[in-house]
Amino acid sequence: MEKILVQVRAVEDTTYEVVVGNDLFATVAADLAGGLVPQVNRYVIITDETVDSYWGPELLSFLRGQRLKTDWLTFPEGEVSKTRKTKQKLEDALAKLNCGRDTCVIALGGGVVTDLAGFVAATYQRGIPYVNIPTTLLGAADASIGGKTGVDTDLGKNQIGAFHYPKRVYIDTSTWQTLPEEQIRNGLAETIKHAVIADAIFFEYLENHAIELGREGAVDPEILLHLAITNVRIKQSVVQDDPLEQGKRAILNFGHTLGHALEILSGYAILHGAAVAIGMVFAARLGEHLGHTTPGTAQRLKQLLQQVGLPVDLPGSVQSEELIDCMLRDKKNRNQEIRLVFAANTGTIFSRGGSFSHPVDPDVLRSFLHF
């Protein structure tokens, strides 16, 4: 028997910038024309049908105005489209366009779009570059930053995916003008999550502006810009230290274990932000019971979520055993144990022994699943 060592020292710098501002489409086009993504000769916008109706033609016009060869692909809106089937259709469409490895994908849309388009980019011809332009507060706060891409299956969210980092992220808050209020609230859940896990001052800011954020009608653009910038800074501080989710990055899953289960069981009728809001209150109450969370944290969190119009109670139709079964399939679990992330208080995460997620006995969960 002979052993031959294959030495591979592949070191890739995956550093990228996040640009936050208003009316950024001209900047996107100029940056791409200026060589932001080397060795690229064509671009393909991937977006959903709703976002395309608002912003697709405008972005396409700016890109073609810079003489960039650009095509675009669309798929139906919503989490129900974040599937292997949709991904296959997009990949087949790229192939029919004769797209090669000199193609750059431009993901224009919310978290579903950036997750799905990023995954297409990660695997098409073994990887092509992409740029993210999140058009929702939720997408800007969560999915567009950090390199996570993927699709859902019938058994769980984001069960199949890859880490693939964008070349740049453009958070254009002017694209949020067309969002329905429900989608603004959806993004506020992830914003509040960031404050809980990492920034007590930001949590107080959100409390001080809760009435305005929860009011019907347009939110002050300066407030939205502040939310966008602070979300990026918090997310950046976490993911750059743990790019492959081996440790501290787990804190971003606060409220998500129960939240993802609610989404799946509802057939995604419950939006991600609403599900995470319910999951955060549940985790805070359970954390107080277990001694991980400062008493009063759950009530303070619950009050803020309610003020901005987010739900905090489990739907009456949800059965405990269904939830637990679904939580047992969560990809964050280890050794077939349900693991939850707990806040120490509003601004700090609970950790023990260097771990940021903690096993919880299913019987303990059962006793807390109706609140």
Protein backbone atom coordinates (compact mmCIF):
# COMPACT_ATOMS: atom_id res chain seq x y z
CA MET A 1 0.00 0.00 0.00
CA GLU A 2 1.26 3.45 -0.86
CA LYS A 3 0.01 6.74 0.53
CA ILE A 4 0.46 9.95 -1.45
CA LEU A 5 -0.15 13.27 0.25
CA VAL A 6 -2.07 15.87 -1.76
CA GLN A 7 -1.17 19.24 -0.30
CA VAL A 8 -3.89 21.83 -0.75
CA ARG A 9 -3.41 25.25 0.77
CA ALA A 10 -6.37 27.07 -0.67
CA VAL A 11 -6.66 30.43 1.04
CA GLU A 12 -9.31 32.75 -0.33
CA ASP A 13 -9.94 36.24 0.98
CA THR A 14 -13.72 36.47 1.23
CA THR A 15 -13.76 40.00 2.65
CA TYR A 16 -16.52 42.17 1.21
CA GLU A 17 -18.06 45.57 1.80
CA VAL A 18 -21.61 46.41 2.79
CA VAL A 19 -22.74 49.72 1.31
CA VAL A 20 -25.69 51.39 3.05
CA GLY A 21 -27.53 54.37 1.59
CA ASN A 22 -30.34 55.63 -0.61
CA ASP A 23 -30.80 55.40 -4.39
CA LEU A 24 -27.84 53.09 -4.92
CA PHE A 25 -28.66 51.53 -8.30
CA ALA A 26 -26.42 53.98 -10.16
CA THR A 27 -23.62 53.15 -7.71
CA VAL A 28 -24.13 49.41 -8.25
CA ALA A 29 -23.90 49.80 -12.02
CA ALA A 30 -20.84 52.06 -11.84
CA ASP A 31 -19.05 49.71 -9.45
CA LEU A 32 -19.67 46.69 -11.65
CA ALA A 33 -18.59 48.59 -14.76
CA GLY A 34 -15.48 49.64 -12.86
CA GLY A 35 -14.39 46.05 -12.27
CA LEU A 36 -15.80 45.24 -8.83
CA VAL A 37 -16.00 41.58 -9.87
CA PRO A 38 -12.94 40.63 -11.93
CA GLN A 39 -13.10 38.36 -14.99
CA VAL A 40 -16.84 38.79 -15.44
CA ASN A 41 -18.39 39.53 -18.82
CA ARG A 42 -22.11 39.26 -18.10
CA TYR A 43 -24.64 39.63 -15.31
CA VAL A 44 -27.92 37.93 -14.44
CA ILE A 45 -30.42 39.52 -12.07
CA ILE A 46 -32.33 36.94 -10.02
CA THR A 47 -35.41 38.28 -8.26
CA ASP A 48 -38.98 37.38 -7.40
CA GLU A 49 -41.95 38.49 -9.46
CA THR A 50 -43.11 41.12 -6.96
CA VAL A 51 -39.73 42.81 -6.53
CA ASP A 52 -39.24 42.67 -10.28
CA SER A 53 -42.44 44.62 -10.83
CA TYR A 54 -41.13 47.45 -8.61
CA TRP A 55 -37.38 47.54 -9.13
CA GLY A 56 -36.27 45.13 -11.86
CA PRO A 57 -36.61 47.45 -14.88
CA GLU A 58 -34.92 50.35 -13.06
CA LEU A 59 -31.87 48.30 -12.05
CA LEU A 60 -31.70 46.73 -15.50
CA SER A 61 -31.73 50.20 -17.08
CA PHE A 62 -28.80 51.37 -14.96
CA LEU A 63 -26.78 48.24 -15.73
CA ARG A 64 -27.40 48.41 -19.46
CA GLY A 65 -26.69 52.12 -19.33
CA GLN A 66 -23.16 51.12 -18.32
CA ARG A 67 -23.07 48.76 -21.32
CA LEU A 68 -23.13 45.70 -19.08
CA LYS A 69 -24.56 42.58 -20.71
CA THR A 70 -27.45 41.75 -18.41
CA ASP A 71 -30.29 39.23 -18.32
CA TRP A 72 -32.83 38.61 -15.60
CA LEU A 73 -34.70 35.65 -14.14
CA THR A 74 -37.73 35.63 -11.85
CA PHE A 75 -39.63 33.18 -9.70
CA PRO A 76 -42.85 33.41 -7.62
CA GLU A 77 -42.63 35.37 -4.38
CA GLY A 78 -42.44 33.76 -0.95
CA GLU A 79 -40.78 31.15 1.22
CA VAL A 80 -42.70 28.41 -0.60
CA SER A 81 -40.45 29.08 -3.61
CA LYS A 82 -37.21 28.54 -1.69
CA THR A 83 -36.90 24.94 -2.85
CA ARG A 84 -34.65 22.61 -4.80
CA LYS A 85 -37.20 22.70 -7.62
CA THR A 86 -36.95 26.47 -7.99
CA LYS A 87 -33.18 26.30 -7.77
CA GLN A 88 -33.10 23.72 -10.56
CA LYS A 89 -35.27 25.91 -12.77
CA LEU A 90 -32.95 28.87 -12.25
CA GLU A 91 -29.86 26.76 -12.97
CA ASP A 92 -31.44 25.39 -16.13
CA ALA A 93 -32.30 28.93 -17.20
CA LEU A 94 -28.68 30.02 -16.69
CA ALA A 95 -27.53 27.09 -18.80
CA LYS A 96 -30.00 27.96 -21.58
CA LEU A 97 -28.57 31.48 -21.59
CA ASN A 98 -25.13 29.88 -22.08
CA CYS A 99 -23.87 31.50 -18.89
CA GLY A 100 -20.34 30.49 -18.04
CA ARG A 101 -18.08 31.06 -15.09
CA ASP A 102 -17.62 34.63 -16.29
CA THR A 103 -21.19 35.34 -15.10
CA CYS A 104 -22.07 37.27 -11.95
CA VAL A 105 -25.47 36.83 -10.30
CA ILE A 106 -27.19 39.90 -8.86
CA ALA A 107 -29.64 38.91 -6.12
CA LEU A 108 -32.33 41.59 -5.93
CA GLY A 109 -34.95 41.02 -3.26
CA GLY A 110 -35.62 39.85 0.27
CA GLY A 111 -34.13 36.98 2.22
CA VAL A 112 -35.71 34.29 0.05
CA VAL A 113 -34.09 35.81 -3.03
CA THR A 114 -30.63 36.27 -1.53
CA ASP A 115 -30.67 32.77 0.02
CA LEU A 116 -31.79 31.13 -3.21
CA ALA A 117 -29.77 33.19 -5.69
CA GLY A 118 -26.68 32.86 -3.50
CA PHE A 119 -27.07 29.08 -3.45
CA VAL A 120 -27.45 29.03 -7.23
CA ALA A 121 -24.24 31.05 -7.47
CA ALA A 122 -22.50 28.70 -5.03
CA THR A 123 -23.13 25.61 -7.13
CA TYR A 124 -23.59 26.68 -10.75
CA GLN A 125 -20.50 25.48 -12.62
CA ARG A 126 -18.95 24.84 -9.17
CA GLY A 127 -19.30 28.46 -8.14
CA ILE A 128 -19.75 31.87 -9.71
CA PRO A 129 -19.68 35.30 -8.02
CA TYR A 130 -22.74 37.18 -6.85
CA VAL A 131 -23.79 40.53 -5.42
CA ASN A 132 -26.65 41.07 -2.95
CA ILE A 133 -29.14 43.93 -3.11
CA PRO A 134 -31.62 43.24 -0.28
CA THR A 135 -34.88 45.13 -0.78
CA THR A 136 -36.42 44.39 2.64
CA LEU A 137 -35.51 45.34 6.19
CA LEU A 138 -35.49 41.63 7.04
CA GLY A 139 -33.16 40.73 4.19
CA ALA A 140 -30.84 43.61 5.03
CA ALA A 141 -30.73 42.65 8.70
CA ASP A 142 -30.32 38.94 8.21
CA ALA A 143 -29.97 36.86 5.06
CA SER A 144 -27.89 39.13 2.83
CA ILE A 145 -24.88 39.30 5.18
CA GLY A 146 -22.78 36.37 6.30
CA GLY A 147 -22.54 34.08 3.30
CA LYS A 148 -25.27 31.63 4.27
CA THR A 149 -27.21 30.39 1.26
CA GLY A 150 -29.69 27.57 0.91
CA VAL A 151 -33.14 26.13 0.35
CA ASP A 152 -35.83 24.56 2.48
CA THR A 153 -37.13 21.01 2.41
CA ASP A 154 -40.38 19.52 3.69
CA LEU A 155 -38.54 18.57 6.88
CA GLY A 156 -36.90 21.86 7.73
CA LYS A 157 -35.69 25.33 6.84
CA ASN A 158 -32.33 25.84 5.16
CA GLN A 159 -31.56 22.13 5.33
CA ILE A 160 -29.52 22.21 2.13
CA GLY A 161 -27.10 25.01 1.38
CA ALA A 162 -23.57 26.32 1.34
CA PHE A 163 -21.42 29.14 2.62
CA HIS A 164 -20.75 31.40 -0.36
CA TYR A 165 -19.82 35.02 0.20
CA PRO A 166 -21.08 37.91 -1.93
CA LYS A 167 -18.63 40.26 -3.61
CA ARG A 168 -20.54 43.21 -2.16
CA VAL A 169 -23.85 43.95 -0.46
CA TYR A 170 -25.83 47.09 -1.31
CA ILE A 171 -28.50 48.02 1.23
CA ASP A 172 -30.61 50.59 -0.55
CA THR A 173 -33.20 51.81 1.95
CA SER A 174 -35.11 53.62 -0.80
CA THR A 175 -36.27 50.19 -2.01
CA TRP A 176 -38.08 49.77 1.29
CA GLN A 177 -40.59 52.46 0.23
CA THR A 178 -42.72 49.85 -1.51
CA LEU A 179 -42.81 47.43 1.42
CA PRO A 180 -46.18 46.75 3.05
CA GLU A 181 -46.27 47.43 6.78
CA GLU A 182 -46.34 43.69 7.46
CA GLN A 183 -42.90 43.36 5.85
CA ILE A 184 -41.49 46.27 7.86
CA ARG A 185 -42.66 44.51 11.04
CA ASN A 186 -41.15 41.29 9.73
CA GLY A 187 -37.76 42.99 9.59
CA LEU A 188 -38.19 44.66 12.98
CA ALA A 189 -38.20 41.21 14.61
CA GLU A 190 -34.64 40.52 13.43
CA THR A 191 -33.67 44.08 14.35
CA ILE A 192 -34.95 43.61 17.90
CA LYS A 193 -33.16 40.25 18.03
CA HIS A 194 -29.87 41.96 17.22
CA ALA A 195 -30.43 44.46 20.02
CA VAL A 196 -31.25 41.71 22.53
CA ILE A 197 -28.18 39.63 21.77
CA ALA A 198 -25.59 42.37 21.41
CA ASP A 199 -26.56 46.01 22.05
CA ALA A 200 -28.41 47.29 25.12
CA ILE A 201 -28.22 50.89 23.88
CA PHE A 202 -29.83 49.90 20.59
CA PHE A 203 -32.57 48.09 22.48
CA GLU A 204 -33.32 51.31 24.38
CA TYR A 205 -33.35 53.22 21.08
CA LEU A 206 -35.95 50.81 19.72
CA GLU A 207 -38.03 51.19 22.88
CA ASN A 208 -37.90 54.98 22.53
CA HIS A 209 -39.04 54.78 18.89
CA ALA A 210 -41.45 51.86 19.27
CA ILE A 211 -44.61 53.93 18.88
CA GLU A 212 -43.39 55.45 15.62
CA LEU A 213 -42.15 52.09 14.33
CA GLY A 214 -45.49 50.48 15.12
CA ARG A 215 -47.61 53.31 13.72
CA GLU A 216 -49.39 52.93 10.39
CA GLY A 217 -47.76 54.78 7.52
CA ALA A 218 -44.22 55.45 6.39
CA VAL A 219 -41.38 55.34 8.91
CA ASP A 220 -38.94 58.26 9.04
CA PRO A 221 -36.18 57.47 6.48
CA GLU A 222 -33.50 58.56 8.96
CA ILE A 223 -34.73 55.99 11.47
CA LEU A 224 -34.70 53.29 8.81
CA LEU A 225 -31.16 54.26 7.84
CA HIS A 226 -30.07 54.03 11.48
CA LEU A 227 -31.68 50.59 11.78
CA ALA A 228 -29.92 49.41 8.63
CA ILE A 229 -26.47 50.62 9.71
CA THR A 230 -26.77 49.28 13.26
CA ASN A 231 -28.03 45.90 12.03
CA VAL A 232 -25.02 45.62 9.71
CA ARG A 233 -22.55 46.54 12.45
CA ILE A 234 -23.97 43.94 14.84
CA LYS A 235 -24.15 41.21 12.20
CA GLN A 236 -20.65 42.04 10.94
CA SER A 237 -19.19 41.84 14.44
CA VAL A 238 -20.56 38.32 14.85
CA VAL A 239 -20.03 36.69 11.45
CA GLN A 240 -16.50 37.92 10.80
CA ASP A 241 -15.30 36.19 13.98
CA ASP A 242 -17.18 32.96 13.24
CA PRO A 243 -17.72 32.74 9.48
CA LEU A 244 -18.69 29.04 9.41
CA GLU A 245 -20.96 29.01 12.49
CA GLN A 246 -18.70 26.95 14.71
CA GLY A 247 -19.19 29.02 17.86
CA LYS A 248 -20.44 32.50 18.66
CA ARG A 249 -22.43 32.87 15.43
CA ALA A 250 -25.01 30.63 17.09
CA ILE A 251 -26.27 33.70 18.99
CA LEU A 252 -27.95 34.87 15.79
CA ASN A 253 -30.34 31.93 16.23
CA PHE A 254 -31.99 33.47 19.31
CA GLY A 255 -35.72 32.78 18.89
CA HIS A 256 -35.17 30.78 15.71
CA THR A 257 -35.50 27.17 16.85
CA LEU A 258 -39.13 27.58 17.85
CA GLY A 259 -39.60 30.22 15.14
CA HIS A 260 -38.52 27.95 12.30
CA ALA A 261 -40.78 25.19 13.61
CA LEU A 262 -43.76 27.56 13.58
CA GLU A 263 -43.03 28.60 10.01
CA ILE A 264 -42.83 25.01 8.81
CA LEU A 265 -45.97 23.84 10.63
CA SER A 266 -47.95 26.79 9.28
CA GLY A 267 -46.86 26.07 5.71
CA TYR A 268 -45.09 29.45 5.88
CA ALA A 269 -48.37 31.28 6.47
CA ILE A 270 -46.63 32.69 9.56
CA LEU A 271 -43.93 35.05 8.34
CA HIS A 272 -40.37 34.63 9.55
CA GLY A 273 -40.35 37.79 11.67
CA ALA A 274 -43.61 36.93 13.39
CA ALA A 275 -42.41 33.40 14.12
CA VAL A 276 -39.08 34.65 15.52
CA ALA A 277 -40.89 37.19 17.71
CA ILE A 278 -42.90 34.38 19.31
CA GLY A 279 -39.73 32.29 19.60
CA MET A 280 -37.80 35.08 21.33
CA VAL A 281 -40.46 35.60 24.01
CA PHE A 282 -40.60 31.85 24.58
CA ALA A 283 -36.79 31.64 24.91
CA ALA A 284 -36.71 34.62 27.29
CA ARG A 285 -39.40 33.15 29.57
CA LEU A 286 -37.74 29.76 29.55
CA GLY A 287 -34.38 31.39 30.19
CA GLU A 288 -35.75 33.15 33.26
CA HIS A 289 -37.15 29.84 34.53
CA LEU A 290 -33.79 28.10 34.04
CA GLY A 291 -31.84 30.94 35.65
CA HIS A 292 -30.07 31.96 32.44
CA THR A 293 -31.96 35.21 31.90
CA THR A 294 -32.40 38.21 34.19
CA PRO A 295 -35.97 38.35 35.57
CA GLY A 296 -38.08 40.94 33.77
CA THR A 297 -36.29 40.52 30.44
CA ALA A 298 -39.13 38.56 28.88
CA GLN A 299 -41.74 41.17 29.83
CA ARG A 300 -39.61 44.02 28.49
CA LEU A 301 -39.01 42.15 25.23
CA LYS A 302 -42.68 41.20 24.94
CA GLN A 303 -43.78 44.81 25.41
CA LEU A 304 -41.46 46.09 22.67
CA LEU A 305 -42.56 43.42 20.21
CA GLN A 306 -46.21 44.18 20.87
CA GLN A 307 -45.65 47.92 20.47
CA VAL A 308 -44.27 47.44 16.96
CA GLY A 309 -47.14 45.14 16.04
CA LEU A 310 -45.54 41.70 16.29
CA PRO A 311 -47.21 38.62 17.82
CA VAL A 312 -45.89 37.13 21.05
CA ASP A 313 -48.24 34.18 21.66
CA LEU A 314 -48.32 30.74 20.12
CA PRO A 315 -51.25 30.15 17.75
CA GLY A 316 -53.91 28.06 19.46
CA SER A 317 -53.93 25.57 16.61
CA VAL A 318 -50.31 24.50 17.19
CA GLN A 319 -49.81 21.24 19.07
CA SER A 320 -46.89 20.85 21.49
CA GLU A 321 -45.81 17.47 20.16
CA GLU A 322 -45.78 18.76 16.58
CA LEU A 323 -43.56 21.65 17.61
CA ILE A 324 -41.16 19.47 19.56
CA ASP A 325 -40.93 16.98 16.71
CA CYS A 326 -40.14 19.80 14.32
CA MET A 327 -37.61 21.36 16.70
CA LEU A 328 -35.85 17.99 16.97
CA ARG A 329 -35.07 18.23 13.24
CA ASP A 330 -33.50 21.67 13.53
CA LYS A 331 -30.07 21.76 11.89
CA LYS A 332 -28.52 23.49 14.93
CA ASN A 333 -29.09 20.47 17.17
CA ARG A 334 -26.28 18.17 18.31
CA ASN A 335 -26.51 14.57 19.55
CA GLN A 336 -30.25 14.66 18.77
CA GLU A 337 -30.77 17.26 21.50
CA ILE A 338 -32.85 20.40 21.06
CA ARG A 339 -30.56 23.36 21.62
CA LEU A 340 -31.71 26.91 22.34
CA VAL A 341 -29.97 30.26 22.56
CA PHE A 342 -30.78 32.37 25.64
CA ALA A 343 -30.36 36.05 26.36
CA ALA A 344 -28.72 36.98 29.65
CA ASN A 345 -30.58 40.30 29.46
CA THR A 346 -31.53 42.89 26.85
CA GLY A 347 -28.12 43.41 25.27
CA THR A 348 -26.12 40.35 26.30
CA ILE A 349 -26.26 36.70 25.34
CA PHE A 350 -26.01 33.88 27.88
CA SER A 351 -23.02 31.56 27.53
CA ARG A 352 -21.63 28.72 29.60
CA GLY A 353 -18.38 26.84 29.11
CA GLY A 354 -17.75 28.63 25.84
CA SER A 355 -21.07 27.45 24.40
CA PHE A 356 -23.79 29.80 23.15
CA SER A 357 -26.51 27.21 22.54
CA HIS A 358 -27.75 24.89 25.26
CA PRO A 359 -29.60 21.56 25.36
CA VAL A 360 -33.13 21.64 26.76
CA ASP A 361 -35.09 18.59 27.88
CA PRO A 362 -38.25 18.09 25.78
CA ASP A 363 -40.31 17.72 28.98
CA VAL A 364 -39.21 21.20 30.06
CA LEU A 365 -40.24 22.51 26.65
CA ARG A 366 -43.66 20.89 26.92
CA SER A 367 -44.35 22.69 30.19
CA PHE A 368 -43.62 26.06 28.59
CA LEU A 369 -45.20 25.72 25.17
CA HIS A 370 -48.41 27.53 26.10
CA PHE A 371 -47.92 31.07 27.35
